[in-house]
Structures are given as structure tokens and as C-alpha cells.
Protein backbone atom coordinates (compact mmCIF):
# COMPACT_ATOMS: atom_id res chain seq x y z
CA UNK A 1 -40.91 -22.99 -36.35
CA UNK A 2 -41.38 -21.14 -39.63
CA UNK A 3 -44.99 -21.40 -40.81
CA UNK A 4 -46.57 -20.62 -44.15
CA UNK A 5 -47.95 -17.33 -42.88
CA UNK A 6 -44.45 -15.98 -42.24
CA UNK A 7 -43.13 -17.29 -45.56
CA UNK A 8 -46.11 -15.84 -47.44
CA UNK A 9 -45.57 -12.46 -45.78
CA UNK A 10 -41.85 -12.40 -46.58
CA UNK A 11 -42.38 -13.55 -50.18
CA UNK A 12 -45.14 -10.97 -50.57
CA UNK A 13 -42.88 -8.21 -49.31
CA UNK A 14 -40.21 -9.23 -51.79
CA UNK A 15 -42.75 -9.33 -54.62
CA UNK A 16 -44.06 -5.85 -53.82
CA UNK A 17 -40.53 -4.45 -53.95
CA UNK A 18 -39.87 -6.13 -57.30
CA UNK A 19 -43.02 -4.86 -59.02
CA UNK A 20 -42.04 -1.90 -61.16
CA UNK A 21 -38.34 -2.75 -60.99
CA UNK A 22 -38.44 -5.85 -63.19
CA UNK A 23 -40.98 -7.16 -65.67
CA UNK A 24 -40.48 -10.78 -64.58
CA UNK A 25 -39.55 -12.36 -61.29
CA UNK A 26 -39.83 -15.49 -59.18
CA UNK A 27 -39.42 -15.50 -55.42
CA UNK A 28 -38.90 -18.82 -53.64
CA UNK A 29 -39.20 -18.59 -49.85
CA UNK A 30 -38.13 -21.78 -48.11
CA UNK A 31 -38.40 -22.53 -44.40
CA UNK A 32 -36.56 -25.60 -43.09
CA UNK A 33 -36.83 -27.23 -39.67
CA UNK A 34 -34.17 -29.84 -39.08
CA UNK A 35 -32.76 -32.01 -36.35
CA UNK A 36 -29.54 -33.91 -36.89
CA UNK A 37 -28.19 -36.73 -34.75
CA UNK A 38 -24.45 -37.30 -35.11
CA UNK A 39 -22.94 -40.66 -34.19
CA UNK A 40 -19.34 -41.33 -33.21
CA UNK A 41 -17.66 -44.40 -31.68
CA UNK A 42 -20.99 -46.14 -31.27
CA UNK A 43 -22.68 -43.34 -29.36
CA UNK A 44 -25.10 -40.52 -30.12
CA UNK A 45 -22.57 -37.72 -29.66
CA UNK A 46 -24.35 -34.55 -30.77
CA UNK A 47 -27.93 -33.50 -31.49
CA UNK A 48 -28.28 -30.27 -33.46
CA UNK A 49 -31.54 -28.49 -34.24
CA UNK A 50 -32.15 -25.40 -36.34
CA UNK A 51 -34.74 -23.46 -38.29
CA UNK A 52 -33.67 -21.51 -41.35
CA UNK A 53 -35.25 -19.28 -43.97
CA UNK A 54 -33.73 -19.10 -47.45
CA UNK A 55 -34.71 -17.10 -50.49
CA UNK A 56 -34.15 -17.80 -54.15
CA UNK A 57 -34.78 -14.91 -56.53
CA UNK A 58 -34.96 -14.78 -60.31
CA UNK A 59 -35.27 -11.32 -61.88
CA UNK A 60 -35.48 -10.56 -65.60
CA UNK A 61 -36.13 -7.69 -68.00
CA UNK A 62 -37.76 -8.37 -71.33
CA UNK A 63 -34.67 -7.11 -73.12
CA UNK A 64 -32.93 -10.28 -71.92
CA UNK A 65 -31.08 -9.03 -68.86
CA UNK A 66 -31.53 -11.48 -66.00
CA UNK A 67 -30.07 -12.53 -62.66
CA UNK A 68 -30.40 -15.48 -60.28
CA UNK A 69 -29.38 -15.30 -56.64
CA UNK A 70 -29.80 -17.05 -53.30
CA UNK A 71 -30.37 -14.95 -50.17
CA UNK A 72 -30.12 -15.96 -46.51
CA UNK A 73 -32.06 -13.23 -44.78
CA UNK A 74 -35.23 -12.73 -42.77
CA UNK A 75 -35.66 -9.23 -44.31
CA UNK A 76 -35.67 -9.82 -48.06
CA UNK A 77 -37.30 -6.56 -49.17
CA UNK A 78 -34.22 -4.34 -49.37
CA UNK A 79 -32.05 -7.21 -50.62
CA UNK A 80 -34.28 -8.10 -53.58
CA UNK A 81 -34.65 -4.44 -54.51
CA UNK A 82 -30.86 -4.21 -54.78
CA UNK A 83 -30.86 -7.38 -56.88
CA UNK A 84 -33.40 -5.89 -59.28
CA UNK A 85 -31.29 -2.76 -59.75
CA UNK A 86 -28.22 -4.87 -60.49
CA UNK A 87 -29.98 -6.31 -63.52
CA UNK A 88 -29.82 -2.92 -65.25
CA UNK A 89 -26.01 -3.16 -65.33
CA UNK A 90 -25.91 -6.56 -67.01
CA UNK A 91 -25.68 -7.49 -70.66
CA UNK A 92 -28.66 -9.30 -72.23
CA UNK A 93 -28.39 -13.06 -71.86
CA UNK A 94 -28.63 -15.31 -74.93
CA UNK A 95 -30.51 -17.75 -72.71
CA UNK A 96 -33.38 -15.40 -71.95
CA UNK A 97 -36.88 -16.82 -72.44
CA UNK A 98 -40.18 -15.40 -71.16
CA UNK A 99 -41.15 -16.64 -67.73
CA UNK A 100 -43.81 -19.36 -68.21
CA UNK A 101 -47.12 -19.40 -66.37
CA UNK A 102 -47.31 -21.63 -63.32
CA UNK A 103 -48.92 -24.95 -64.23
CA UNK A 104 -47.90 -26.91 -61.14
CA UNK A 105 -49.99 -27.68 -58.08
CA UNK A 106 -49.46 -27.05 -54.38
CA UNK A 107 -48.71 -30.21 -52.40
CA UNK A 108 -48.36 -31.61 -48.91
CA UNK A 109 -46.41 -34.78 -48.16
CA UNK A 110 -45.86 -34.69 -44.40
CA UNK A 111 -45.19 -37.66 -42.13
CA UNK A 112 -47.03 -36.89 -38.87
CA UNK A 113 -44.37 -38.64 -36.78
CA UNK A 114 -41.62 -36.39 -38.13
CA UNK A 115 -43.81 -33.29 -37.82
CA UNK A 116 -44.67 -34.07 -34.18
CA UNK A 117 -41.02 -34.77 -33.36
CA UNK A 118 -39.79 -31.48 -34.83
CA UNK A 119 -42.52 -29.50 -33.06
CA UNK A 120 -41.63 -31.14 -29.74
CA UNK A 121 -45.10 -32.65 -29.41
CA UNK A 122 -43.95 -36.28 -29.40
CA UNK A 123 -40.28 -37.18 -29.51
CA UNK A 124 -38.86 -40.10 -31.49
CA UNK A 125 -36.10 -42.26 -29.99
CA UNK A 126 -33.90 -42.59 -33.05
CA UNK A 127 -30.95 -44.22 -31.26
CA UNK A 128 -33.27 -46.97 -29.98
CA UNK A 129 -35.09 -47.40 -33.29
CA UNK A 130 -31.90 -47.93 -35.30
CA UNK A 131 -30.69 -50.41 -32.61
CA UNK A 132 -27.56 -48.39 -31.97
CA UNK A 133 -26.47 -50.68 -29.14
CA UNK A 134 -26.12 -53.58 -31.61
CA UNK A 135 -23.89 -51.76 -34.10
CA UNK A 136 -20.74 -51.45 -32.00
CA UNK A 137 -18.23 -49.02 -33.47
CA UNK A 138 -20.31 -46.83 -35.79
CA UNK A 139 -20.16 -43.27 -37.10
CA UNK A 140 -22.53 -41.24 -39.21
CA UNK A 141 -25.56 -39.01 -39.01
CA UNK A 142 -29.34 -39.08 -39.21
CA UNK A 143 -31.51 -36.12 -40.15
CA UNK A 144 -35.21 -35.42 -39.69
CA UNK A 145 -36.52 -32.39 -41.57
CA UNK A 146 -39.60 -30.54 -42.73
CA UNK A 147 -39.44 -28.09 -45.62
CA UNK A 148 -42.11 -25.52 -46.42
CA UNK A 149 -41.86 -23.69 -49.75
CA UNK A 150 -43.73 -20.69 -51.15
CA UNK A 151 -43.36 -19.70 -54.82
CA UNK A 152 -44.54 -16.26 -55.93
CA UNK A 153 -44.10 -14.88 -59.45
CA UNK A 154 -44.72 -11.75 -61.48
CA UNK A 155 -47.86 -13.31 -62.98
CA UNK A 156 -49.40 -13.07 -59.51
CA UNK A 157 -49.38 -16.86 -59.07
CA UNK A 158 -48.59 -18.60 -55.78
CA UNK A 159 -47.79 -22.23 -55.01
CA UNK A 160 -47.02 -24.03 -51.75
CA UNK A 161 -45.02 -27.15 -51.00
CA UNK A 162 -44.76 -28.96 -47.67
CA UNK A 163 -42.79 -32.18 -47.14
CA UNK A 164 -40.75 -34.15 -44.62
CA UNK A 165 -37.61 -36.23 -44.99
CA UNK A 166 -35.65 -38.85 -43.05
CA UNK A 167 -32.10 -39.18 -44.39
CA UNK A 168 -28.65 -40.20 -43.24
CA UNK A 169 -25.75 -42.61 -43.48
CA UNK A 170 -23.97 -45.05 -41.16
CA UNK A 171 -20.42 -46.32 -41.31
CA UNK A 172 -19.77 -49.49 -39.28
CA UNK A 173 -16.23 -50.51 -38.29
CA UNK A 174 -14.95 -54.01 -37.61
CA UNK A 175 -11.25 -54.11 -36.84
CA UNK A 176 -9.54 -52.25 -39.66
CA UNK A 177 -12.45 -52.79 -42.08
CA UNK A 178 -15.63 -50.80 -42.60
CA UNK A 179 -18.91 -50.78 -44.45
CA UNK A 180 -21.18 -47.84 -45.18
CA UNK A 181 -24.75 -47.38 -46.38
CA UNK A 182 -27.20 -44.50 -46.56
CA UNK A 183 -30.96 -44.03 -46.67
CA UNK A 184 -33.55 -41.48 -47.78
CA UNK A 185 -37.31 -41.47 -47.30
CA UNK A 186 -40.15 -39.02 -46.89
CA UNK A 187 -41.41 -40.93 -43.83
CA UNK A 188 -39.86 -42.23 -40.61
CA UNK A 189 -41.52 -45.67 -40.61
CA UNK A 190 -40.32 -46.49 -37.10
CA UNK A 191 -36.71 -45.92 -38.15
CA UNK A 192 -36.83 -48.85 -40.58
CA UNK A 193 -34.88 -47.15 -43.44
CA UNK A 194 -31.98 -46.49 -41.05
CA UNK A 195 -32.07 -50.03 -39.60
CA UNK A 196 -31.84 -51.53 -43.09
CA UNK A 197 -28.89 -49.27 -43.91
CA UNK A 198 -27.19 -50.20 -40.64
CA UNK A 199 -27.62 -53.90 -41.34
CA UNK A 200 -26.17 -53.53 -44.85
CA UNK A 201 -23.16 -51.58 -43.54
CA UNK A 202 -22.55 -54.06 -40.73
CA UNK A 203 -22.70 -57.08 -43.04
CA UNK A 204 -20.16 -55.51 -45.41
CA UNK A 205 -17.75 -54.67 -42.59
CA UNK A 206 -18.01 -58.12 -41.01
CA UNK A 207 -17.61 -60.00 -44.28
CA UNK A 208 -14.58 -57.91 -45.22
CA UNK A 209 -13.08 -58.44 -41.74
CA UNK A 210 -13.29 -62.20 -42.18
CA UNK A 211 -11.35 -62.25 -45.46
CA UNK A 212 -7.60 -61.99 -46.14
CA UNK A 213 -6.14 -58.85 -47.66
CA UNK A 214 -5.04 -58.91 -51.29
CA UNK A 215 -3.76 -56.27 -53.67
CA UNK A 216 -5.53 -55.47 -56.95
CA UNK A 217 -3.16 -54.82 -59.82
CA UNK A 218 -4.04 -52.00 -62.28
CA UNK A 219 -6.01 -53.25 -65.26
CA UNK A 220 -9.45 -53.85 -66.72
CA UNK A 221 -11.87 -55.80 -64.54
CA UNK A 222 -15.46 -56.90 -64.37
CA UNK A 223 -17.00 -54.75 -61.63
CA UNK A 224 -20.10 -54.97 -59.47
CA UNK A 225 -21.21 -51.53 -58.31
CA UNK A 226 -23.22 -51.37 -55.11
CA UNK A 227 -26.22 -48.98 -55.07
CA UNK A 228 -24.00 -46.49 -53.20
CA UNK A 229 -21.51 -46.39 -56.09
CA UNK A 230 -24.06 -46.77 -58.87
CA UNK A 231 -26.11 -43.95 -57.33
CA UNK A 232 -23.15 -41.58 -57.43
CA UNK A 233 -22.27 -42.36 -61.05
CA UNK A 234 -25.90 -42.26 -62.23
CA UNK A 235 -26.21 -38.85 -60.57
CA UNK A 236 -23.24 -37.69 -62.64
CA UNK A 237 -24.76 -39.15 -65.81
CA UNK A 238 -28.11 -37.42 -65.28
CA UNK A 239 -26.20 -34.20 -64.57
CA UNK A 240 -24.78 -34.42 -68.09
CA UNK A 241 -28.21 -35.13 -69.63
CA UNK A 242 -28.99 -31.52 -68.79
CA UNK A 243 -29.60 -28.70 -71.26
CA UNK A 244 -27.26 -26.31 -69.45
CA UNK A 245 -24.42 -28.84 -69.23
CA UNK A 246 -24.73 -29.53 -72.96
CA UNK A 247 -24.91 -25.84 -73.93
CA UNK A 248 -21.91 -24.96 -71.76
CA UNK A 249 -19.75 -27.80 -73.13
CA UNK A 250 -19.74 -29.64 -69.78
CA UNK A 251 -21.15 -32.91 -71.09
CA UNK A 252 -20.19 -35.77 -73.37
CA UNK A 253 -23.83 -35.97 -74.49
CA UNK A 254 -24.56 -34.41 -77.89
CA UNK A 255 -27.98 -33.17 -79.01
CA UNK A 256 -27.86 -35.41 -82.09
CA UNK A 257 -27.74 -38.53 -79.87
CA UNK A 258 -31.18 -37.88 -78.33
CA UNK A 259 -33.37 -40.78 -79.38
CA UNK A 260 -30.41 -43.08 -80.02
CA UNK A 261 -29.25 -46.10 -78.04
CA UNK A 262 -25.98 -44.90 -76.54
CA UNK A 263 -25.99 -46.96 -73.32
CA UNK A 264 -26.70 -50.56 -72.36
CA UNK A 265 -30.17 -52.00 -72.93
CA UNK A 266 -30.06 -53.07 -69.27
CA UNK A 267 -30.14 -49.42 -68.19
CA UNK A 268 -33.29 -47.37 -67.57
CA UNK A 269 -33.03 -44.14 -65.57
CA UNK A 270 -36.04 -41.99 -64.63
CA UNK A 271 -36.24 -38.48 -63.24
CA UNK A 272 -39.08 -39.07 -60.75
CA UNK A 273 -40.22 -35.86 -59.02
CA UNK A 274 -43.59 -37.49 -58.23
CA UNK A 275 -42.21 -40.52 -56.40
CA UNK A 276 -43.76 -39.93 -52.98
CA UNK A 277 -41.18 -42.12 -51.20
CA UNK A 278 -38.22 -39.91 -52.15
CA UNK A 279 -37.41 -36.54 -50.54
CA UNK A 280 -37.01 -34.86 -53.94
CA UNK A 281 -40.80 -35.02 -54.35
CA UNK A 282 -42.36 -31.90 -55.89
CA UNK A 283 -45.35 -31.08 -58.07
CA UNK A 284 -43.76 -27.91 -59.46
CA UNK A 285 -40.29 -26.72 -60.44
CA UNK A 286 -38.62 -23.39 -59.65
CA UNK A 287 -40.47 -21.72 -62.53
CA UNK A 288 -43.78 -23.04 -61.22
CA UNK A 289 -44.11 -25.47 -64.13
CA UNK A 290 -45.73 -28.82 -63.39
CA UNK A 291 -43.28 -31.67 -62.91
CA UNK A 292 -43.67 -35.11 -64.44
CA UNK A 293 -41.89 -38.42 -64.18
CA UNK A 294 -39.85 -39.06 -67.31
CA UNK A 295 -37.24 -41.52 -68.57
CA UNK A 296 -33.86 -39.90 -69.15
CA UNK A 297 -32.58 -43.23 -70.45
CA UNK A 298 -34.94 -46.04 -71.46
CA UNK A 299 -33.36 -49.43 -72.21
CA UNK A 300 -30.18 -47.68 -73.27
CA UNK A 301 -31.85 -45.01 -75.41
CA UNK A 302 -31.17 -41.40 -74.45
CA UNK A 303 -34.80 -40.33 -74.32
CA UNK A 304 -34.88 -36.99 -72.46
CA UNK A 305 -32.59 -34.05 -71.79
CA UNK A 306 -33.69 -32.06 -68.74
CA UNK A 307 -34.73 -28.47 -69.47
CA UNK A 308 -36.03 -25.28 -67.97
CA UNK A 309 -37.70 -22.71 -70.23
CA UNK A 310 -34.37 -21.09 -71.14
CA UNK A 311 -32.31 -24.12 -72.11
CA UNK A 312 -35.37 -25.49 -73.92
CA UNK A 313 -35.63 -22.36 -76.07
CA UNK A 314 -31.90 -22.44 -76.83
CA UNK A 315 -32.09 -26.08 -77.95
CA UNK A 316 -35.42 -25.89 -79.76
CA UNK A 317 -37.19 -28.07 -77.20
CA UNK A 318 -39.88 -27.78 -74.53
CA UNK A 319 -39.32 -27.37 -70.81
CA UNK A 320 -39.44 -30.69 -68.99
CA UNK A 321 -40.47 -29.13 -65.67
CA UNK A 322 -36.95 -29.38 -64.24
CA UNK A 323 -36.15 -25.74 -63.59
CA UNK A 324 -33.81 -24.80 -60.81
CA UNK A 325 -33.36 -21.07 -60.39
CA UNK A 326 -29.97 -21.24 -62.09
CA UNK A 327 -30.09 -24.32 -64.32
CA UNK A 328 -32.18 -27.46 -64.88
CA UNK A 329 -31.95 -30.17 -62.25
CA UNK A 330 -33.34 -33.63 -61.48
CA UNK A 331 -35.60 -33.97 -58.44
CA UNK A 332 -35.32 -37.69 -57.67
CA UNK A 333 -33.62 -40.42 -59.70
CA UNK A 334 -34.95 -43.94 -60.09
CA UNK A 335 -32.90 -46.69 -61.77
CA UNK A 336 -35.07 -49.58 -62.93
CA UNK A 337 -34.13 -52.81 -61.12
CA UNK A 338 -33.35 -56.08 -62.84
CA UNK A 339 -33.93 -59.74 -62.04
CA UNK A 340 -30.81 -60.81 -60.12
CA UNK A 341 -30.63 -61.37 -56.37
CA UNK A 342 -27.45 -60.61 -54.42
CA UNK A 343 -25.98 -64.13 -54.78
CA UNK A 344 -26.89 -64.22 -58.45
CA UNK A 345 -25.12 -60.90 -59.03
CA UNK A 346 -21.90 -62.29 -57.57
CA UNK A 347 -22.28 -65.43 -59.67
CA UNK A 348 -22.79 -63.29 -62.77
CA UNK A 349 -19.74 -61.21 -61.83
CA UNK A 350 -17.68 -64.40 -61.74
CA UNK A 351 -14.15 -63.05 -61.45
CA UNK A 352 -13.90 -59.35 -60.69
CA UNK A 353 -14.19 -56.63 -58.08
CA UNK A 354 -17.20 -55.69 -55.94
CA UNK A 355 -17.04 -51.99 -54.99
CA UNK A 356 -19.37 -50.98 -52.15
CA UNK A 357 -18.71 -47.24 -51.69
CA UNK A 358 -16.86 -44.35 -53.30
CA UNK A 359 -16.11 -40.65 -53.10
CA UNK A 360 -14.07 -37.91 -54.79
CA UNK A 361 -15.56 -38.48 -58.24
CA UNK A 362 -13.76 -36.05 -60.55
CA UNK A 363 -13.76 -35.43 -64.30
CA UNK A 364 -10.55 -35.04 -66.28
CA UNK A 365 -12.58 -34.14 -69.40
CA UNK A 366 -16.28 -33.33 -69.38
CA UNK A 367 -16.66 -33.47 -73.19
CA UNK A 368 -15.14 -36.98 -73.16
CA UNK A 369 -16.78 -38.07 -69.91
CA UNK A 370 -13.35 -39.13 -68.61
CA UNK A 371 -13.59 -39.52 -64.84
CA UNK A 372 -12.09 -41.21 -61.84
CA UNK A 373 -13.51 -42.07 -58.43
CA UNK A 374 -11.85 -43.44 -55.30
CA UNK A 375 -13.25 -46.42 -53.41
CA UNK A 376 -14.13 -46.22 -49.75
CA UNK A 377 -14.88 -48.93 -47.20
CA UNK A 378 -15.16 -52.61 -48.21
CA UNK A 379 -13.84 -53.61 -51.64
CA UNK A 380 -14.10 -57.35 -52.39
CA UNK A 381 -12.08 -59.46 -54.79
CA UNK A 382 -14.45 -62.05 -56.24
CA UNK A 383 -13.47 -65.33 -57.88
CA UNK A 384 -15.83 -67.98 -59.08
CA UNK A 385 -18.77 -65.90 -57.89
CA UNK A 386 -17.51 -65.77 -54.26
CA UNK A 387 -15.72 -63.01 -52.30
CA UNK A 388 -12.25 -64.41 -51.52
CA UNK A 389 -10.36 -61.35 -50.30
CA UNK A 390 -10.67 -57.67 -49.42
CA UNK A 391 -8.42 -55.03 -50.91
CA UNK A 392 -7.38 -51.53 -49.99
CA UNK A 393 -8.36 -48.29 -51.65
CA UNK A 394 -8.40 -48.36 -55.45
CA UNK A 395 -9.54 -45.98 -58.16
CA UNK A 396 -12.03 -46.55 -60.98
CA UNK A 397 -10.88 -44.58 -64.03
CA UNK A 398 -12.95 -44.75 -67.21
CA UNK A 399 -15.29 -42.82 -69.49
CA UNK A 400 -18.76 -42.45 -68.05
CA UNK A 401 -20.69 -43.05 -71.26
CA UNK A 402 -18.64 -46.12 -72.12
CA UNK A 403 -18.97 -47.53 -68.60
CA UNK A 404 -22.77 -47.27 -68.77
CA UNK A 405 -22.74 -48.91 -72.20
CA UNK A 406 -21.16 -51.97 -70.54
CA UNK A 407 -23.85 -52.53 -67.89
CA UNK A 408 -24.83 -56.18 -68.17
CA UNK A 409 -27.47 -56.49 -65.45
CA UNK A 410 -29.16 -54.78 -62.53
CA UNK A 411 -30.03 -56.21 -59.15
CA UNK A 412 -33.56 -57.05 -58.09
CA UNK A 413 -33.47 -54.99 -54.88
CA UNK A 414 -33.24 -51.20 -55.06
CA UNK A 415 -32.31 -48.84 -52.21
CA UNK A 416 -33.42 -45.28 -51.42
CA UNK A 417 -30.22 -43.29 -50.90
CA UNK A 418 -28.95 -39.79 -50.24
CA UNK A 419 -25.62 -38.63 -48.80
CA UNK A 420 -22.63 -36.42 -49.73
CA UNK A 421 -21.87 -38.32 -52.92
CA UNK A 422 -25.54 -38.86 -53.88
CA UNK A 423 -27.00 -35.37 -53.47
CA UNK A 424 -30.15 -36.14 -55.49
CA UNK A 425 -32.40 -38.61 -53.63
CA UNK A 426 -32.23 -41.85 -55.60
CA UNK A 427 -33.69 -45.35 -55.79
CA UNK A 428 -30.89 -47.58 -57.12
CA UNK A 429 -30.07 -51.31 -57.45
CA UNK A 430 -26.67 -52.97 -57.89
CA UNK A 431 -25.26 -52.63 -61.41
CA UNK A 432 -22.98 -55.23 -63.01
CA UNK A 433 -20.47 -53.69 -65.44
CA UNK A 434 -18.69 -55.93 -67.91
CA UNK A 435 -15.43 -53.97 -67.81
CA UNK A 436 -13.98 -50.93 -66.04
CA UNK A 437 -10.53 -49.49 -65.65
CA UNK A 438 -8.95 -49.83 -62.20
CA UNK A 439 -5.77 -48.24 -60.87
CA UNK A 440 -4.26 -47.88 -57.42
CA UNK A 441 -5.46 -44.83 -55.47
């Protein structure tokens, strides 16, 4: 177990080495305890546990030379000293801005059940709590973690963060069909988040198994995106509403569209670092600046671009408290739910395709937002508001901005999600899209 005393000592050692070598620096010392349960063929196949210490270092000279790096070492002193000397060989960066003072607060958001489990004081029976014996053929993983964070900067300021997380995903198989769902929460809650995900995955697999197979021809279709798919695409959208992405030409979003309605009025997306139910929770960013919940998109209006101090200076804005060491980042994403229940969403879809999961989202053109993503698991053909068939793997190919301008409605129920394709913890409902391009995968 890595405690705050050890992290404070290691961060302090790094800070002492950096004094005199660089005018500005931030050291982030992060200790992570984690246990992962892997599931295969309906059984708990592997349990892995580990403790790790990671360092993030930002070093800058006031002439504009700067460097970001991540270190995996339990002896950071010599390593950060070498990093500081490397800065002298670099050219001044046009993105340099003075390191702001820390305005954030230390925090603790620890679920006692997860903490006791990881310390070995009182073990949780995860396989029992997610009712593994009822799922049949299932694969996936579940993770329990505790992360301690110490931030130290050249202003002599220190902040601490301490939080737990319960995350994972389950893929349930029925015959040749499957359904998948994920979950993310800061608390264990008796395994309830995982049970809900398992039930959703099982229902998708069983419904798909009971329907005939039918091919979808390439074309334009009305599409219902499950929270798993909507979460992935919203993550990509928020990634483009990012000062660095815009400055580097990796976004279809233009600065002159800030404040304009460029998406559907049915769409509101919030960067929510202070949502205590999501594992992205934090009261300070990597520059020590206080975080705040903020709408990136409000009723279709592009309201906020995410900034750290450097991208903010370059774009004539203010930091939004979204600094990562390298570039701005969201902490947690919340999509505002709508009024439609699950049956009402299918009725509103009418004739179209219900996509429940996806992966391999790739961009053919970032400035145009042209992307494609491949479906995974159950894909339903819907006619007259009812699923009538299941189809094989297809590909959604469209422009991201245009797709989000065609959102007609959002579901009433939102889900807390995090997995490979949703790396930022998110709270997302179903989204009904009036039209999207579909091809064969």
C-alpha cells in the first residue's frame, strides 16, 4: 500500500532537485492500488492485484522552454533532474504561459468498502454480488481501485486527492449473439452498478438471440445509439472542444463558433469534475487550478472550449481548470437526459437501426470531423417501433458535428460508464439520431 507519507516524501525529493534548475515546475505523484477480476466462460478466471507509483512532471523556464513527461519510478530525484537539464536544449514554446497559483482544494472521496477490501481488512465477494452464476456464458472484467495523488509546485503549494473507483464491463453470450454493458462509480454499493450492467447486457443478448438475422444495406438510416455508443462519440466530441485540438488543427470546431448553436437543441454536454458519483472526480487540475462543472454544449450551443493556462493564453481566453500535464482534458462527462423511456425511444425511432455497442472509432479527417466506427454485439433492425431482426457487424460513417446536429431526443435513463472506448467516466442516456450513414463493416 502506498500512503500519502511516501508520496509526499517522493514528491518533495523531486521538488528539491528541481529548485534551482527550473523556474517553474509541477510534480504529480500518484499511488494506485488496484484489484482486477477477469471473467471468462462464465467463471472468475484471474484475480490480479498491484500497487504502482507514477510521476508526472512539468518543467519550464521563463524564456518559454518547457517539457512534460511521465515517469514510472520509485526514485524520481535523479530522473527529474535529468528532465530539467533537457529543457535547456529545447526551443522556446509558443504555448508558454506562466504557471498559475494553485486555487484548488484537497479532497477525499473514499468508499470504505473498497478501501477495506484493498487493504485486506474485509474482502468483498464480487462474483457473488454480480450474480455470476445467473449470467451463463460471460466475459469481461471488474476493477476496484484507490488512487492517492500529491501535487507539488514551484510556488511551494501542495494539494492532495484521495478517491476510489468501481469500474468494469461484462459481455454476455447467448448462442451466436452477445450484449455488452459497462459501469463506473466511485462506490461499490453492494455490487449494484455491475449487476445493472450485467442485466442490460443479458437482455440485449437474449433479445437478439430470439430474432431472425437480416442484412442491412448501405444507406442513410434513423439510428438509436445506446449509452455505450453515445458515450464513445460524445467523448470524441468533447475531445475536439479542446483548446489544444483546435490549435493543432485536430478539430472541426472553430473558435468563431463558440457561442453559436452548432448542434441539436436536444443536446447538452457537461464537463463535470465535481460529480461525486463518477471516478473522474477532482477538485483541482494538473496545474492545481480549481475545477468547476461547466457546459461544453448547452441546448446545441457550443458554450465552452476546455483550456489549461497555455491554450487559454494562445486563444485569448481563461483557463477552465481542465489542465492535464500535456494538454487540456475533461474529467467526467455528463449528457443531460431527456424525457423518453426505452419503449418510447423505439417508438420514436420508428424504422431504423438500434446500435448497442461499438469500437474502432477512427477519423478520416479531423478538420471535417469525418469518422467511422464499427458496431459490436447486438444490432437491431427496428420497424414500426419494434425490433424485428438482428444484423451482423456494420459501420457508422458520418461527420461528427453533423451527426450531433441531428439528435432528436435523449432517453430518460442515464448510465455511468467507463471502458476501452469510453476512457473518460461518463453519465449518458440513449440518443436518437434522425439520420446517419451506414455501410457494411
